[in-house]
Amino acid sequence: MDRKLTRETDSRPQNAYGIHCFMDVVAKEAEEYALDHTTPMSALLEEVEHFTLTKAAYPSMLTGRVEGRFLQTVVQLSAARRIVDIGTFTGYSALAMAEVMPDDGELLTVEKNEDHARIAQAFFDRSPGGAKIILRRARHSKS
């Protein structure tokens, strides 16, 4: 799935999504190869990805399949039972890690944007791994 939406494929005004990519860190060919050779994620994570790419502002903030599988591998190899995830966005990374955590695992995720937190919680509520996720809404102080 192409992560970058263009004006040709989207009816929103040019800047509706904001910045799509801050910088290209990996060669496009290497990124495509990794994506083509990474096992697909669960149906719910595929839905989160599709939702984020088509309906969320700033879709480039999405943790995608390659990064999601990497996080799952780290969680599995480390046998992590407690994880802190800062910046929930639409919930992709938290759900990916929660899927492979042990049943007694706990993942704390923090999000300051109320809309993002609401969207993520809706996905968490639909996932068996969602019971392991505690979503906190960060409060920002006005200085």
Protein backbone atom coordinates (compact mmCIF):
# COMPACT_ATOMS: atom_id res chain seq x y z
CA MET A 1 0.00 0.00 0.00
CA ASP A 2 1.42 3.37 -1.01
CA ARG A 3 1.86 5.52 2.08
CA LYS A 4 2.00 8.86 0.27
CA LEU A 5 -1.26 10.29 -0.99
CA THR A 6 -1.20 12.75 -3.85
CA ARG A 7 -3.63 15.35 -5.09
CA GLU A 8 -4.55 12.99 -7.95
CA THR A 9 -5.76 10.32 -5.50
CA ASP A 10 -7.30 12.64 -2.95
CA SER A 11 -9.94 15.32 -3.18
CA ARG A 12 -8.71 17.31 -0.16
CA PRO A 13 -6.94 20.62 -0.68
CA GLN A 14 -3.19 20.34 -1.23
CA ASN A 15 -2.19 21.06 2.37
CA ALA A 16 -5.03 19.20 4.09
CA TYR A 17 -2.70 16.40 5.17
CA GLY A 18 0.21 18.66 6.04
CA ILE A 19 3.74 17.39 5.55
CA HIS A 20 3.82 13.91 4.00
CA CYS A 21 7.47 13.15 4.49
CA PHE A 22 10.07 14.98 6.54
CA MET A 23 12.97 13.36 4.75
CA ASP A 24 13.81 10.26 2.78
CA VAL A 25 16.08 8.28 5.05
CA VAL A 26 16.02 5.04 3.10
CA ALA A 27 16.27 4.65 -0.66
CA LYS A 28 12.83 4.14 -2.18
CA GLU A 29 13.88 0.81 -3.70
CA ALA A 30 15.06 -0.51 -0.32
CA GLU A 31 11.84 0.61 1.33
CA GLU A 32 9.74 -1.09 -1.37
CA TYR A 33 11.81 -4.29 -1.09
CA ALA A 34 11.34 -4.39 2.69
CA LEU A 35 7.60 -3.80 2.34
CA ASP A 36 7.27 -6.50 -0.33
CA HIS A 37 9.13 -9.02 1.85
CA THR A 38 7.49 -8.29 5.21
CA THR A 39 4.68 -10.50 6.41
CA PRO A 40 1.29 -8.77 6.39
CA MET A 41 -0.10 -7.61 9.71
CA SER A 42 -3.38 -8.63 11.31
CA ALA A 43 -6.63 -7.61 9.64
CA LEU A 44 -7.24 -4.94 12.29
CA LEU A 45 -3.78 -3.41 11.80
CA GLU A 46 -4.37 -3.38 8.05
CA GLU A 47 -7.62 -1.51 8.78
CA VAL A 48 -5.80 0.99 11.02
CA GLU A 49 -3.26 1.54 8.25
CA HIS A 50 -5.96 2.08 5.62
CA PHE A 51 -7.92 4.42 7.88
CA THR A 52 -4.80 6.45 8.70
CA LEU A 53 -3.70 6.76 5.08
CA THR A 54 -7.13 7.75 3.80
CA LYS A 55 -8.78 9.70 6.62
CA ALA A 56 -6.19 10.98 9.11
CA ALA A 57 -4.32 14.24 8.89
CA TYR A 58 -0.54 13.71 8.72
CA PRO A 59 -0.63 10.09 7.49
CA SER A 60 3.18 10.02 7.34
CA MET A 61 3.14 9.69 11.14
CA LEU A 62 1.87 6.14 10.72
CA THR A 63 4.08 3.32 11.90
CA GLY A 64 3.74 0.96 8.97
CA ARG A 65 4.10 -2.76 8.39
CA VAL A 66 7.91 -2.89 8.26
CA GLU A 67 8.31 -0.85 11.43
CA GLY A 68 5.41 -2.70 13.07
CA ARG A 69 7.00 -6.10 12.43
CA PHE A 70 10.31 -4.76 13.73
CA LEU A 71 8.63 -3.60 16.96
CA GLN A 72 6.92 -6.98 17.30
CA THR A 73 10.28 -8.75 16.90
CA VAL A 74 11.90 -6.56 19.56
CA VAL A 75 9.00 -7.20 21.96
CA GLN A 76 9.15 -10.95 21.35
CA LEU A 77 12.96 -11.23 21.64
CA SER A 78 13.05 -9.15 24.80
CA ALA A 79 10.01 -10.91 26.30
CA ALA A 80 8.79 -7.43 27.27
CA ARG A 81 5.93 -7.38 29.74
CA ARG A 82 5.77 -3.61 30.21
CA ILE A 83 6.06 -1.08 27.40
CA VAL A 84 5.68 2.70 27.22
CA ASP A 85 4.63 4.12 23.85
CA ILE A 86 4.77 7.91 23.57
CA GLY A 87 2.64 9.40 20.82
CA THR A 88 -0.24 7.04 20.12
CA PHE A 89 -1.54 8.70 16.92
CA THR A 90 -4.08 6.20 15.51
CA GLY A 91 -2.80 3.32 17.63
CA TYR A 92 -0.87 1.23 15.09
CA SER A 93 2.38 0.71 17.01
CA ALA A 94 0.63 0.10 20.34
CA LEU A 95 -1.65 -2.51 18.78
CA ALA A 96 1.24 -4.17 16.97
CA MET A 97 3.23 -4.56 20.17
CA ALA A 98 0.21 -5.58 22.26
CA GLU A 99 -0.55 -8.38 19.78
CA VAL A 100 2.69 -10.18 20.65
CA MET A 101 2.98 -9.34 24.35
CA PRO A 102 2.25 -12.05 26.90
CA ASP A 103 -1.29 -12.13 28.30
CA ASP A 104 -0.10 -10.49 31.52
CA GLY A 105 1.69 -7.71 29.61
CA GLU A 106 0.81 -4.04 29.91
CA LEU A 107 1.41 -1.25 27.43
CA LEU A 108 1.04 2.38 28.48
CA THR A 109 0.56 4.76 25.58
CA VAL A 110 0.34 8.55 25.85
CA GLU A 111 -1.36 10.91 23.40
CA LYS A 112 -2.04 14.63 23.77
CA ASN A 113 -4.36 15.02 20.76
CA GLU A 114 -7.94 14.21 21.82
CA ASP A 115 -9.02 13.21 18.31
CA HIS A 116 -6.09 10.83 17.90
CA ALA A 117 -6.74 9.34 21.34
CA ARG A 118 -10.41 8.77 20.52
CA ILE A 119 -9.57 7.08 17.19
CA ALA A 120 -6.90 4.88 18.76
CA GLN A 121 -9.15 3.84 21.65
CA ALA A 122 -11.85 2.78 19.18
CA PHE A 123 -9.35 0.44 17.52
CA PHE A 124 -8.03 -0.80 20.90
CA ASP A 125 -11.57 -1.66 21.95
CA ARG A 126 -11.90 -3.96 18.92
CA SER A 127 -8.67 -5.89 19.51
CA PRO A 128 -8.09 -8.87 21.82
CA GLY A 129 -4.69 -7.29 22.58
CA GLY A 130 -6.39 -3.98 23.32
CA ALA A 131 -7.09 -5.08 26.90
CA LYS A 132 -3.32 -4.83 27.53
CA ILE A 133 -3.25 -1.18 26.43
CA ILE A 134 -3.73 1.75 28.81
CA LEU A 135 -4.24 5.01 26.96
CA ARG A 136 -3.46 8.22 28.84
CA ARG A 137 -4.20 11.62 27.46
CA ALA A 138 -1.27 13.92 28.11
CA ARG A 139 -2.11 17.36 29.36
CA HIS A 140 -0.05 20.22 28.10
CA SER A 141 0.46 23.15 30.39
CA LYS A 142 -0.06 26.71 29.24
CA SER A 143 3.00 28.73 30.14
